Amino acid sequence: MENLSVQTEYERFAAMCQCGLRNVLASIENIRQQMSLSDDRNPFSIVTSRIKTLDSAIEKCERKYGEASISRLRSLQDIAGVRIITDFEDDIFVIHDMLTRVPTFTVIEKNDYIANPKPNGYRSLHLIVTVNIFFEGRSRMVPVEIQIRDKAMDLWASLEHIIKYKHPNPSPEIVGQFKRIADSLAKFDKDAMRIRDEAASNDN
């Protein structure tokens, strides 16, 4: 019965988060459409979203708290998630500035892994925003996680995830190799932005 209760309550909470996710995606699409009317390059390349499955939420709670009670599941702030992929690293901050000006978003957490990369070399910008929804007859605030990273780091993160999924405890050697790749991609990002800016200045 406990497992059934957890599943039922999680499905209800996930439905609330899904409503918040729709609101966030609608605001992002509005921004994308407005920028498409500009002569400037649109910083948005790819936008994806997901709702965390119950199994994934339980695994995270057990790893983080040692248990997966209903209250622990409801404390997770990344049940609903959006990932925005950009062409260039500096586009990340352009999008960040736009999102933080959306009046219906309240930023409650920000992790800048570009200024402060993770030990494995991961570079991205993560925001947790809360949005107001109308659910079961009343107004509620729900969290949505927004990850913003460029294409080079997205490829790195996808490959790193595949390796860690198949080998949950990779050797220090493998971890070190991924760190070196991430550092190389960081240099690639800087070179790509420099070439872009040089090409633009030559056009003027």
N, C-alpha and C. Protein backbone atom coordinates (compact mmCIF):
# COMPACT_ATOMS: atom_id res chain seq x y z
N MET A 1 0.82 -1.21 0.00
CA MET A 1 0.00 0.00 0.00
C MET A 1 0.86 1.27 0.00
N GLU A 2 2.01 1.19 0.73
CA GLU A 2 2.88 2.35 0.78
C GLU A 2 3.39 2.70 -0.61
N ASN A 3 3.82 1.66 -1.36
CA ASN A 3 4.33 1.92 -2.71
C ASN A 3 3.25 2.52 -3.59
N LEU A 4 2.00 2.00 -3.44
CA LEU A 4 0.88 2.53 -4.22
C LEU A 4 0.63 3.98 -3.85
N SER A 5 0.70 4.29 -2.53
CA SER A 5 0.48 5.64 -2.07
C SER A 5 1.54 6.58 -2.63
N VAL A 6 2.81 6.14 -2.62
CA VAL A 6 3.90 6.95 -3.16
C VAL A 6 3.68 7.20 -4.64
N GLN A 7 3.30 6.16 -5.38
CA GLN A 7 3.10 6.31 -6.82
C GLN A 7 1.95 7.27 -7.11
N THR A 8 0.85 7.12 -6.38
CA THR A 8 -0.31 7.98 -6.60
C THR A 8 0.02 9.43 -6.31
N GLU A 9 0.70 9.67 -5.18
CA GLU A 9 1.04 11.03 -4.80
C GLU A 9 2.06 11.63 -5.77
N TYR A 10 2.99 10.79 -6.23
CA TYR A 10 3.99 11.30 -7.17
C TYR A 10 3.33 11.67 -8.49
N GLU A 11 2.41 10.86 -8.97
CA GLU A 11 1.72 11.16 -10.22
C GLU A 11 0.98 12.50 -10.11
N ARG A 12 0.40 12.76 -8.94
CA ARG A 12 -0.31 14.03 -8.73
C ARG A 12 0.69 15.19 -8.74
N PHE A 13 1.82 15.02 -8.05
CA PHE A 13 2.82 16.08 -8.00
C PHE A 13 3.43 16.30 -9.39
N ALA A 14 3.69 15.21 -10.11
CA ALA A 14 4.25 15.32 -11.45
C ALA A 14 3.27 16.04 -12.39
N ALA A 15 1.98 15.83 -12.20
CA ALA A 15 0.98 16.52 -13.02
C ALA A 15 1.02 18.02 -12.75
N MET A 16 1.22 18.41 -11.49
CA MET A 16 1.37 19.82 -11.16
C MET A 16 2.61 20.40 -11.84
N CYS A 17 3.71 19.66 -11.78
CA CYS A 17 4.96 20.12 -12.40
C CYS A 17 4.82 20.21 -13.92
N GLN A 18 4.03 19.31 -14.49
CA GLN A 18 3.79 19.35 -15.94
C GLN A 18 3.09 20.65 -16.33
N CYS A 19 2.17 21.11 -15.48
CA CYS A 19 1.50 22.38 -15.75
C CYS A 19 2.51 23.53 -15.73
N GLY A 20 3.40 23.50 -14.75
CA GLY A 20 4.44 24.53 -14.68
C GLY A 20 5.36 24.47 -15.88
N LEU A 21 5.68 23.25 -16.32
CA LEU A 21 6.55 23.06 -17.48
C LEU A 21 5.93 23.68 -18.72
N ARG A 22 4.64 23.50 -18.91
CA ARG A 22 3.95 24.09 -20.07
C ARG A 22 4.07 25.61 -20.05
N ASN A 23 3.92 26.20 -18.86
CA ASN A 23 4.03 27.66 -18.75
C ASN A 23 5.42 28.14 -19.15
N VAL A 24 6.44 27.43 -18.67
CA VAL A 24 7.82 27.82 -18.97
C VAL A 24 8.09 27.68 -20.47
N LEU A 25 7.66 26.56 -21.06
CA LEU A 25 7.88 26.34 -22.50
C LEU A 25 7.16 27.40 -23.33
N ALA A 26 5.99 27.80 -22.91
CA ALA A 26 5.25 28.83 -23.64
C ALA A 26 6.01 30.16 -23.62
N SER A 27 6.57 30.50 -22.46
CA SER A 27 7.34 31.75 -22.36
C SER A 27 8.60 31.69 -23.21
N ILE A 28 9.27 30.52 -23.21
CA ILE A 28 10.48 30.36 -24.03
C ILE A 28 10.14 30.49 -25.51
N GLU A 29 9.03 29.88 -25.92
CA GLU A 29 8.63 29.96 -27.33
C GLU A 29 8.30 31.40 -27.72
N ASN A 30 7.67 32.15 -26.83
CA ASN A 30 7.38 33.56 -27.11
C ASN A 30 8.68 34.34 -27.34
N ILE A 31 9.68 34.07 -26.49
CA ILE A 31 10.97 34.76 -26.64
C ILE A 31 11.62 34.37 -27.97
N ARG A 32 11.58 33.08 -28.30
CA ARG A 32 12.18 32.61 -29.56
C ARG A 32 11.53 33.29 -30.77
N GLN A 33 10.21 33.39 -30.74
CA GLN A 33 9.51 34.00 -31.87
C GLN A 33 9.84 35.48 -31.99
N GLN A 34 9.94 36.17 -30.87
CA GLN A 34 10.28 37.59 -30.91
C GLN A 34 11.69 37.78 -31.48
N MET A 35 12.62 36.90 -31.09
CA MET A 35 13.99 37.03 -31.57
C MET A 35 14.11 36.67 -33.04
N SER A 36 13.21 35.82 -33.54
CA SER A 36 13.25 35.46 -34.96
C SER A 36 12.88 36.64 -35.84
N LEU A 37 12.22 37.65 -35.26
CA LEU A 37 11.86 38.85 -36.02
C LEU A 37 13.02 39.83 -36.12
N SER A 38 14.07 39.57 -35.32
CA SER A 38 15.22 40.46 -35.31
C SER A 38 16.21 40.05 -36.40
N ASP A 39 17.04 41.01 -36.79
CA ASP A 39 18.08 40.71 -37.78
C ASP A 39 19.26 39.99 -37.13
N ASP A 40 19.33 40.03 -35.80
CA ASP A 40 20.42 39.37 -35.10
C ASP A 40 20.24 37.86 -35.11
N ARG A 41 21.33 37.17 -34.88
CA ARG A 41 21.30 35.70 -34.81
C ARG A 41 20.51 35.26 -33.58
N ASN A 42 19.65 34.27 -33.76
CA ASN A 42 18.85 33.76 -32.65
C ASN A 42 19.71 32.84 -31.79
N PRO A 43 19.84 33.11 -30.47
CA PRO A 43 20.72 32.29 -29.64
C PRO A 43 20.14 30.91 -29.32
N PHE A 44 18.83 30.73 -29.53
CA PHE A 44 18.22 29.43 -29.26
C PHE A 44 18.50 28.47 -30.43
N SER A 45 19.03 27.30 -30.13
CA SER A 45 19.23 26.29 -31.16
C SER A 45 18.24 25.15 -30.99
N ILE A 46 18.25 24.53 -29.82
CA ILE A 46 17.36 23.38 -29.53
C ILE A 46 16.76 23.56 -28.14
N VAL A 47 15.48 23.25 -28.00
CA VAL A 47 14.82 23.26 -26.70
C VAL A 47 14.13 21.92 -26.50
N THR A 48 14.45 21.23 -25.43
CA THR A 48 13.81 19.95 -25.10
C THR A 48 13.29 20.03 -23.66
N SER A 49 12.40 19.11 -23.32
CA SER A 49 11.85 19.09 -21.96
C SER A 49 11.54 17.66 -21.55
N ARG A 50 11.37 17.47 -20.24
CA ARG A 50 11.02 16.15 -19.75
C ARG A 50 10.43 16.27 -18.34
N ILE A 51 9.66 15.25 -17.95
CA ILE A 51 9.20 15.06 -16.58
C ILE A 51 9.92 13.84 -16.04
N LYS A 52 10.55 13.98 -14.89
CA LYS A 52 11.31 12.89 -14.32
C LYS A 52 10.38 11.72 -13.98
N THR A 53 10.77 10.49 -14.34
CA THR A 53 9.96 9.32 -14.02
C THR A 53 10.01 9.03 -12.53
N LEU A 54 9.05 8.24 -12.06
CA LEU A 54 9.02 7.87 -10.64
C LEU A 54 10.29 7.11 -10.27
N ASP A 55 10.72 6.18 -11.11
CA ASP A 55 11.94 5.41 -10.80
C ASP A 55 13.15 6.33 -10.68
N SER A 56 13.26 7.29 -11.58
CA SER A 56 14.37 8.22 -11.55
C SER A 56 14.32 9.10 -10.30
N ALA A 57 13.11 9.54 -9.94
CA ALA A 57 12.94 10.37 -8.75
C ALA A 57 13.28 9.59 -7.48
N ILE A 58 12.85 8.34 -7.42
CA ILE A 58 13.15 7.49 -6.26
C ILE A 58 14.66 7.28 -6.14
N GLU A 59 15.31 7.00 -7.28
CA GLU A 59 16.76 6.78 -7.27
C GLU A 59 17.48 8.01 -6.75
N LYS A 60 17.05 9.20 -7.17
CA LYS A 60 17.70 10.42 -6.73
C LYS A 60 17.49 10.65 -5.24
N CYS A 61 16.26 10.41 -4.76
CA CYS A 61 15.98 10.59 -3.33
C CYS A 61 16.81 9.63 -2.48
N GLU A 62 16.90 8.38 -2.91
CA GLU A 62 17.66 7.40 -2.14
C GLU A 62 19.14 7.75 -2.12
N ARG A 63 19.63 8.28 -3.24
CA ARG A 63 21.04 8.69 -3.31
C ARG A 63 21.29 9.93 -2.48
N LYS A 64 20.33 10.85 -2.47
CA LYS A 64 20.52 12.14 -1.80
C LYS A 64 20.14 12.10 -0.33
N TYR A 65 19.04 11.38 -0.01
CA TYR A 65 18.52 11.40 1.36
C TYR A 65 18.57 10.05 2.07
N GLY A 66 18.79 8.99 1.29
CA GLY A 66 18.76 7.66 1.89
C GLY A 66 17.37 7.08 1.99
N GLU A 67 16.37 7.79 1.48
CA GLU A 67 14.99 7.30 1.48
C GLU A 67 14.22 7.99 0.37
N ALA A 68 13.06 7.42 0.05
CA ALA A 68 12.23 7.98 -1.02
C ALA A 68 10.79 8.12 -0.54
N SER A 69 10.60 8.84 0.55
CA SER A 69 9.27 9.07 1.08
C SER A 69 8.55 10.11 0.21
N ILE A 70 7.24 10.24 0.44
CA ILE A 70 6.46 11.21 -0.33
C ILE A 70 7.00 12.62 -0.13
N SER A 71 7.32 12.96 1.12
CA SER A 71 7.83 14.32 1.40
C SER A 71 9.16 14.56 0.70
N ARG A 72 10.02 13.53 0.65
CA ARG A 72 11.30 13.68 -0.04
C ARG A 72 11.10 13.86 -1.54
N LEU A 73 10.18 13.09 -2.11
CA LEU A 73 9.91 13.21 -3.54
C LEU A 73 9.39 14.61 -3.88
N ARG A 74 8.54 15.13 -3.01
CA ARG A 74 7.96 16.46 -3.25
C ARG A 74 8.98 17.57 -3.07
N SER A 75 10.09 17.27 -2.42
CA SER A 75 11.12 18.29 -2.20
C SER A 75 12.03 18.46 -3.42
N LEU A 76 11.97 17.50 -4.36
CA LEU A 76 12.82 17.61 -5.55
C LEU A 76 12.37 18.79 -6.40
N GLN A 77 13.34 19.56 -6.87
CA GLN A 77 13.02 20.76 -7.65
C GLN A 77 13.24 20.59 -9.15
N ASP A 78 13.61 19.36 -9.54
CA ASP A 78 13.87 19.13 -10.97
C ASP A 78 12.98 18.03 -11.55
N ILE A 79 11.78 17.88 -11.00
CA ILE A 79 10.82 16.93 -11.57
C ILE A 79 10.51 17.35 -13.01
N ALA A 80 10.28 18.65 -13.19
CA ALA A 80 10.09 19.19 -14.54
C ALA A 80 11.38 19.85 -14.98
N GLY A 81 11.83 19.54 -16.19
CA GLY A 81 13.09 20.10 -16.66
C GLY A 81 13.05 20.54 -18.11
N VAL A 82 13.74 21.65 -18.38
CA VAL A 82 13.90 22.17 -19.74
C VAL A 82 15.39 22.26 -20.02
N ARG A 83 15.79 21.86 -21.23
CA ARG A 83 17.19 22.01 -21.64
C ARG A 83 17.23 22.89 -22.89
N ILE A 84 18.01 23.94 -22.83
CA ILE A 84 18.18 24.85 -23.95
C ILE A 84 19.61 24.71 -24.47
N ILE A 85 19.74 24.42 -25.76
CA ILE A 85 21.07 24.25 -26.37
C ILE A 85 21.33 25.46 -27.27
N THR A 86 22.53 26.03 -27.12
CA THR A 86 22.93 27.18 -27.92
C THR A 86 24.08 26.80 -28.85
N ASP A 87 24.34 27.65 -29.83
CA ASP A 87 25.48 27.42 -30.72
C ASP A 87 26.79 27.81 -30.04
N PHE A 88 26.77 28.94 -29.32
CA PHE A 88 27.99 29.47 -28.72
C PHE A 88 27.81 29.64 -27.22
N GLU A 89 28.94 29.63 -26.52
CA GLU A 89 28.88 29.71 -25.06
C GLU A 89 28.29 31.03 -24.57
N ASP A 90 28.63 32.15 -25.22
CA ASP A 90 28.12 33.43 -24.72
C ASP A 90 26.62 33.59 -24.96
N ASP A 91 26.04 32.78 -25.86
CA ASP A 91 24.59 32.78 -26.04
C ASP A 91 23.87 32.35 -24.75
N ILE A 92 24.55 31.53 -23.96
CA ILE A 92 23.96 31.03 -22.71
C ILE A 92 23.55 32.20 -21.83
N PHE A 93 24.41 33.21 -21.76
CA PHE A 93 24.14 34.34 -20.86
C PHE A 93 23.12 35.30 -21.46
N VAL A 94 23.05 35.35 -22.78
CA VAL A 94 21.99 36.14 -23.44
C VAL A 94 20.63 35.56 -23.06
N ILE A 95 20.52 34.25 -23.16
CA ILE A 95 19.25 33.58 -22.83
C ILE A 95 18.96 33.71 -21.34
N HIS A 96 19.99 33.55 -20.52
CA HIS A 96 19.81 33.71 -19.07
C HIS A 96 19.19 35.07 -18.75
N ASP A 97 19.74 36.13 -19.36
CA ASP A 97 19.23 37.47 -19.08
C ASP A 97 17.77 37.62 -19.51
N MET A 98 17.41 37.00 -20.63
CA MET A 98 16.01 37.06 -21.08
C MET A 98 15.08 36.33 -20.11
N LEU A 99 15.48 35.15 -19.71
CA LEU A 99 14.63 34.33 -18.84
C LEU A 99 14.42 34.99 -17.48
N THR A 100 15.46 35.62 -16.96
CA THR A 100 15.33 36.23 -15.63
C THR A 100 14.48 37.49 -15.66
N ARG A 101 14.15 37.98 -16.87
CA ARG A 101 13.27 39.14 -16.98
C ARG A 101 11.81 38.75 -17.22
N VAL A 102 11.53 37.44 -17.37
CA VAL A 102 10.14 37.00 -17.55
C VAL A 102 9.39 37.24 -16.24
N PRO A 103 8.35 38.06 -16.24
CA PRO A 103 7.70 38.45 -14.98
C PRO A 103 7.02 37.30 -14.24
N THR A 104 6.71 36.21 -14.95
CA THR A 104 6.03 35.09 -14.28
C THR A 104 7.01 34.08 -13.70
N PHE A 105 8.33 34.31 -13.89
CA PHE A 105 9.34 33.42 -13.34
C PHE A 105 9.95 34.04 -12.08
N THR A 106 10.15 33.23 -11.08
CA THR A 106 10.92 33.63 -9.90
C THR A 106 12.11 32.69 -9.79
N VAL A 107 13.32 33.22 -9.95
CA VAL A 107 14.52 32.40 -9.85
C VAL A 107 14.82 32.15 -8.38
N ILE A 108 14.82 30.88 -7.97
CA ILE A 108 15.09 30.55 -6.57
C ILE A 108 16.46 29.89 -6.39
N GLU A 109 17.08 29.51 -7.51
CA GLU A 109 18.42 28.91 -7.41
C GLU A 109 19.13 29.07 -8.74
N LYS A 110 20.43 29.35 -8.67
CA LYS A 110 21.25 29.47 -9.87
C LYS A 110 22.59 28.81 -9.63
N ASN A 111 23.00 27.94 -10.55
CA ASN A 111 24.31 27.30 -10.48
C ASN A 111 25.04 27.57 -11.79
N ASP A 112 26.10 28.37 -11.69
CA ASP A 112 26.88 28.74 -12.86
C ASP A 112 28.10 27.82 -12.94
N TYR A 113 27.94 26.73 -13.71
CA TYR A 113 29.04 25.78 -13.87
C TYR A 113 29.97 26.17 -15.03
N ILE A 114 29.75 27.37 -15.57
CA ILE A 114 30.69 27.90 -16.57
C ILE A 114 31.78 28.68 -15.85
N ALA A 115 31.34 29.55 -14.94
CA ALA A 115 32.32 30.27 -14.12
C ALA A 115 33.02 29.31 -13.16
N ASN A 116 32.27 28.31 -12.69
CA ASN A 116 32.82 27.34 -11.75
C ASN A 116 32.49 25.92 -12.22
N PRO A 117 33.26 25.40 -13.19
CA PRO A 117 32.97 24.07 -13.74
C PRO A 117 33.00 22.99 -12.65
N LYS A 118 32.22 21.93 -12.86
CA LYS A 118 32.27 20.78 -11.96
C LYS A 118 33.64 20.10 -12.07
N PRO A 119 34.03 19.32 -11.06
CA PRO A 119 35.34 18.66 -11.10
C PRO A 119 35.58 17.82 -12.35
N ASN A 120 34.50 17.28 -12.94
CA ASN A 120 34.67 16.46 -14.15
C ASN A 120 34.76 17.29 -15.42
N GLY A 121 34.67 18.62 -15.27
CA GLY A 121 34.78 19.50 -16.43
C GLY A 121 33.46 20.00 -16.98
N TYR A 122 32.34 19.55 -16.43
CA TYR A 122 31.02 19.94 -16.93
C TYR A 122 30.82 21.44 -16.81
N ARG A 123 30.36 22.06 -17.90
CA ARG A 123 30.15 23.51 -17.96
C ARG A 123 28.74 23.78 -18.48
N SER A 124 27.94 24.44 -17.67
CA SER A 124 26.56 24.73 -18.04
C SER A 124 26.02 25.76 -17.06
N LEU A 125 24.83 26.26 -17.34
CA LEU A 125 24.15 27.18 -16.42
C LEU A 125 22.81 26.56 -16.05
N HIS A 126 22.57 26.37 -14.76
CA HIS A 126 21.33 25.76 -14.28
C HIS A 126 20.53 26.77 -13.47
N LEU A 127 19.25 26.86 -13.77
CA LEU A 127 18.33 27.70 -13.00
C LEU A 127 17.18 26.87 -12.48
N ILE A 128 16.73 27.17 -11.27
CA ILE A 128 15.45 26.66 -10.79
C ILE A 128 14.53 27.86 -10.70
N VAL A 129 13.42 27.82 -11.44
CA VAL A 129 12.44 28.89 -11.38
C VAL A 129 11.13 28.33 -10.84
N THR A 130 10.38 29.14 -10.16
CA THR A 130 9.03 28.75 -9.78
C THR A 130 8.04 29.53 -10.62
N VAL A 131 6.95 28.86 -10.98
CA VAL A 131 5.89 29.49 -11.76
C VAL A 131 4.55 29.21 -11.09
N ASN A 132 3.63 30.13 -11.28
CA ASN A 132 2.31 29.98 -10.69
C ASN A 132 1.40 29.20 -11.62
N ILE A 133 0.70 28.22 -11.08
CA ILE A 133 -0.26 27.44 -11.87
C ILE A 133 -1.60 27.40 -11.15
N PHE A 134 -2.62 27.04 -11.88
CA PHE A 134 -3.95 26.82 -11.30
C PHE A 134 -4.22 25.33 -11.36
N PHE A 135 -4.30 24.67 -10.20
CA PHE A 135 -4.40 23.21 -10.16
C PHE A 135 -5.36 22.81 -9.04
N GLU A 136 -6.32 21.95 -9.38
CA GLU A 136 -7.31 21.47 -8.41
C GLU A 136 -8.02 22.63 -7.71
N GLY A 137 -8.34 23.64 -8.49
CA GLY A 137 -9.17 24.72 -7.97
C GLY A 137 -8.46 25.82 -7.22
N ARG A 138 -7.11 25.78 -7.18
CA ARG A 138 -6.42 26.88 -6.50
C ARG A 138 -5.05 27.14 -7.09
N SER A 139 -4.52 28.30 -6.74
CA SER A 139 -3.22 28.73 -7.24
C SER A 139 -2.10 28.05 -6.47
N ARG A 140 -1.08 27.60 -7.20
CA ARG A 140 0.07 26.93 -6.57
C ARG A 140 1.34 27.37 -7.29
N MET A 141 2.46 27.31 -6.55
CA MET A 141 3.77 27.59 -7.13
C MET A 141 4.51 26.26 -7.28
N VAL A 142 5.06 26.02 -8.47
CA VAL A 142 5.81 24.78 -8.70
C VAL A 142 7.17 25.10 -9.32
N PRO A 143 8.18 24.26 -9.03
CA PRO A 143 9.52 24.51 -9.56
C PRO A 143 9.73 23.85 -10.92
N VAL A 144 10.57 24.48 -11.74
CA VAL A 144 10.99 23.92 -13.02
C VAL A 144 12.49 24.20 -13.16
N GLU A 145 13.25 23.17 -13.51
CA GLU A 145 14.68 23.36 -13.72
C GLU A 145 14.93 23.72 -15.19
N ILE A 146 15.80 24.70 -15.42
CA ILE A 146 16.20 25.08 -16.77
C ILE A 146 17.72 24.94 -16.87
N GLN A 147 18.17 24.09 -17.79
CA GLN A 147 19.60 23.93 -18.05
C GLN A 147 19.91 24.59 -19.39
N ILE A 148 20.97 25.39 -19.41
CA ILE A 148 21.38 26.05 -20.65
C ILE A 148 22.84 25.70 -20.91
N ARG A 149 23.12 25.09 -22.06
CA ARG A 149 24.50 24.77 -22.41
C ARG A 149 24.66 24.80 -23.92
N ASP A 150 25.92 24.91 -24.37
CA ASP A 150 26.15 24.98 -25.81
C ASP A 150 26.28 23.57 -26.41
N LYS A 151 26.33 23.52 -27.73
CA LYS A 151 26.31 22.23 -28.43
C LYS A 151 27.51 21.35 -28.09
N ALA A 152 28.69 21.97 -27.95
CA ALA A 152 29.88 21.19 -27.65
C ALA A 152 29.74 20.51 -26.30
N MET A 153 29.29 21.26 -25.28
CA MET A 153 29.14 20.66 -23.95
C MET A 153 27.97 19.68 -23.91
N ASP A 154 26.95 19.90 -24.73
CA ASP A 154 25.83 18.97 -24.76
C ASP A 154 26.27 17.61 -25.29
N LEU A 155 27.12 17.63 -26.32
CA LEU A 155 27.67 16.37 -26.84
C LEU A 155 28.51 15.69 -25.77
N TRP A 156 29.36 16.45 -25.10
CA TRP A 156 30.19 15.89 -24.03
C TRP A 156 29.32 15.26 -22.94
N ALA A 157 28.28 15.99 -22.51
CA ALA A 157 27.43 15.51 -21.43
C ALA A 157 26.67 14.25 -21.84
N SER A 158 26.25 14.17 -23.10
CA SER A 158 25.53 12.98 -23.57
C SER A 158 26.43 11.75 -23.56
N LEU A 159 27.67 11.93 -24.01
CA LEU A 159 28.61 10.80 -24.02
C LEU A 159 28.99 10.40 -22.60
N GLU A 160 29.19 11.38 -21.73
CA GLU A 160 29.55 11.10 -20.34
C GLU A 160 28.42 10.34 -19.65
N HIS A 161 27.18 10.71 -19.97
CA HIS A 161 26.02 10.04 -19.37
C HIS A 161 25.96 8.58 -19.82
N ILE A 162 26.23 8.33 -21.10
CA ILE A 162 26.21 6.95 -21.62
C ILE A 162 27.25 6.10 -20.91
N ILE A 163 28.45 6.63 -20.76
CA ILE A 163 29.51 5.89 -20.10
C ILE A 163 29.15 5.61 -18.64
N LYS A 164 28.65 6.61 -17.93
CA LYS A 164 28.33 6.43 -16.51
C LYS A 164 27.12 5.52 -16.31
N TYR A 165 26.20 5.51 -17.29
CA TYR A 165 25.04 4.62 -17.19
C TYR A 165 25.49 3.16 -17.27
N LYS A 166 26.43 2.89 -18.18
CA LYS A 166 26.91 1.51 -18.35
C LYS A 166 27.97 1.15 -17.30
N HIS A 167 28.70 2.18 -16.82
CA HIS A 167 29.76 1.96 -15.84
C HIS A 167 29.59 3.00 -14.73
N PRO A 168 28.72 2.72 -13.74
CA PRO A 168 28.39 3.72 -12.71
C PRO A 168 29.59 4.24 -11.93
N ASN A 169 30.65 3.44 -11.84
CA ASN A 169 31.84 3.87 -11.11
C ASN A 169 33.06 3.82 -12.03
N PRO A 170 33.16 4.78 -12.95
CA PRO A 170 34.29 4.77 -13.90
C PRO A 170 35.61 4.97 -13.17
N SER A 171 36.65 4.45 -13.77
CA SER A 171 37.98 4.55 -13.17
C SER A 171 38.46 6.00 -13.19
N PRO A 172 39.39 6.35 -12.30
CA PRO A 172 39.96 7.71 -12.30
C PRO A 172 40.57 8.07 -13.66
N GLU A 173 41.06 7.07 -14.36
CA GLU A 173 41.65 7.31 -15.68
C GLU A 173 40.60 7.82 -16.66
N ILE A 174 39.43 7.15 -16.65
CA ILE A 174 38.34 7.56 -17.55
C ILE A 174 37.83 8.95 -17.15
N VAL A 175 37.66 9.18 -15.85
CA VAL A 175 37.22 10.49 -15.38
C VAL A 175 38.19 11.57 -15.83
N GLY A 176 39.49 11.27 -15.73
CA GLY A 176 40.50 12.23 -16.15
C GLY A 176 40.45 12.52 -17.64
N GLN A 177 40.16 11.48 -18.43
CA GLN A 177 40.06 11.68 -19.88
C GLN A 177 38.88 12.59 -20.23
N PHE A 178 37.76 12.39 -19.54
CA PHE A 178 36.60 13.25 -19.80
C PHE A 178 36.90 14.69 -19.38
N LYS A 179 37.63 14.86 -18.29
CA LYS A 179 38.00 16.21 -17.85
C LYS A 179 38.88 16.89 -18.90
N ARG A 180 39.81 16.16 -19.47
CA ARG A 180 40.68 16.74 -20.50
C ARG A 180 39.88 17.11 -21.75
N ILE A 181 38.92 16.26 -22.11
CA ILE A 181 38.07 16.57 -23.27
C ILE A 181 37.26 17.84 -23.00
N ALA A 182 36.70 17.93 -21.77
CA ALA A 182 35.91 19.12 -21.42
C ALA A 182 36.76 20.38 -21.48
N ASP A 183 38.00 20.30 -21.01
CA ASP A 183 38.90 21.46 -21.06
C ASP A 183 39.20 21.85 -22.51
N SER A 184 39.37 20.84 -23.37
CA SER A 184 39.63 21.11 -24.78
C SER A 184 38.42 21.78 -25.44
N LEU A 185 37.22 21.32 -25.06
CA LEU A 185 36.00 21.91 -25.61
C LEU A 185 35.82 23.36 -25.14
N ALA A 186 36.26 23.64 -23.92
CA ALA A 186 36.17 25.02 -23.42
C ALA A 186 37.04 25.93 -24.29
N LYS A 187 38.22 25.46 -24.65
CA LYS A 187 39.09 26.24 -25.54
C LYS A 187 38.47 26.35 -26.93
N PHE A 188 37.87 25.26 -27.40
CA PHE A 188 37.18 25.27 -28.69
C PHE A 188 36.08 26.33 -28.69
N ASP A 189 35.31 26.41 -27.61
CA ASP A 189 34.24 27.40 -27.51
C ASP A 189 34.79 28.82 -27.64
N LYS A 190 35.87 29.09 -26.95
CA LYS A 190 36.47 30.43 -27.01
C LYS A 190 36.96 30.74 -28.43
N ASP A 191 37.60 29.77 -29.07
CA ASP A 191 38.09 29.98 -30.44
C ASP A 191 36.93 30.19 -31.40
N ALA A 192 35.84 29.42 -31.22
CA ALA A 192 34.68 29.54 -32.11
C ALA A 192 34.05 30.92 -32.00
N MET A 193 33.95 31.44 -30.77
CA MET A 193 33.38 32.78 -30.59
C MET A 193 34.29 33.85 -31.20
N ARG A 194 35.60 33.66 -31.08
CA ARG A 194 36.53 34.63 -31.66
C ARG A 194 36.41 34.65 -33.19
N ILE A 195 36.33 33.46 -33.80
CA ILE A 195 36.18 33.37 -35.26
C ILE A 195 34.87 34.00 -35.71
N ARG A 196 33.80 33.74 -34.97
CA ARG A 196 32.48 34.33 -35.29
C ARG A 196 32.57 35.85 -35.27
N ASP A 197 33.21 36.40 -34.23
CA ASP A 197 33.29 37.85 -34.09
C ASP A 197 34.18 38.46 -35.17
N GLU A 198 35.27 37.76 -35.52
CA GLU A 198 36.14 38.25 -36.58
C GLU A 198 35.42 38.26 -37.93
N ALA A 199 34.64 37.22 -38.20
CA ALA A 199 33.89 37.16 -39.45
C ALA A 199 32.85 38.28 -39.51
N ALA A 200 32.21 38.55 -38.37
CA ALA A 200 31.19 39.60 -38.34
C ALA A 200 31.82 40.98 -38.56
N SER A 201 33.01 41.19 -37.98
CA SER A 201 33.66 42.49 -38.14
C SER A 201 34.13 42.70 -39.58
N ASN A 202 34.50 41.61 -40.24
CA ASN A 202 34.93 41.71 -41.65
C ASN A 202 33.76 42.05 -42.56
N ASP A 203 32.56 41.65 -42.16
CA ASP A 203 31.37 41.96 -42.97
C ASP A 203 30.98 43.42 -42.89
N ASN A 204 31.42 44.10 -41.83
CA ASN A 204 31.01 45.49 -41.62
C ASN A 204 31.93 46.48 -42.35
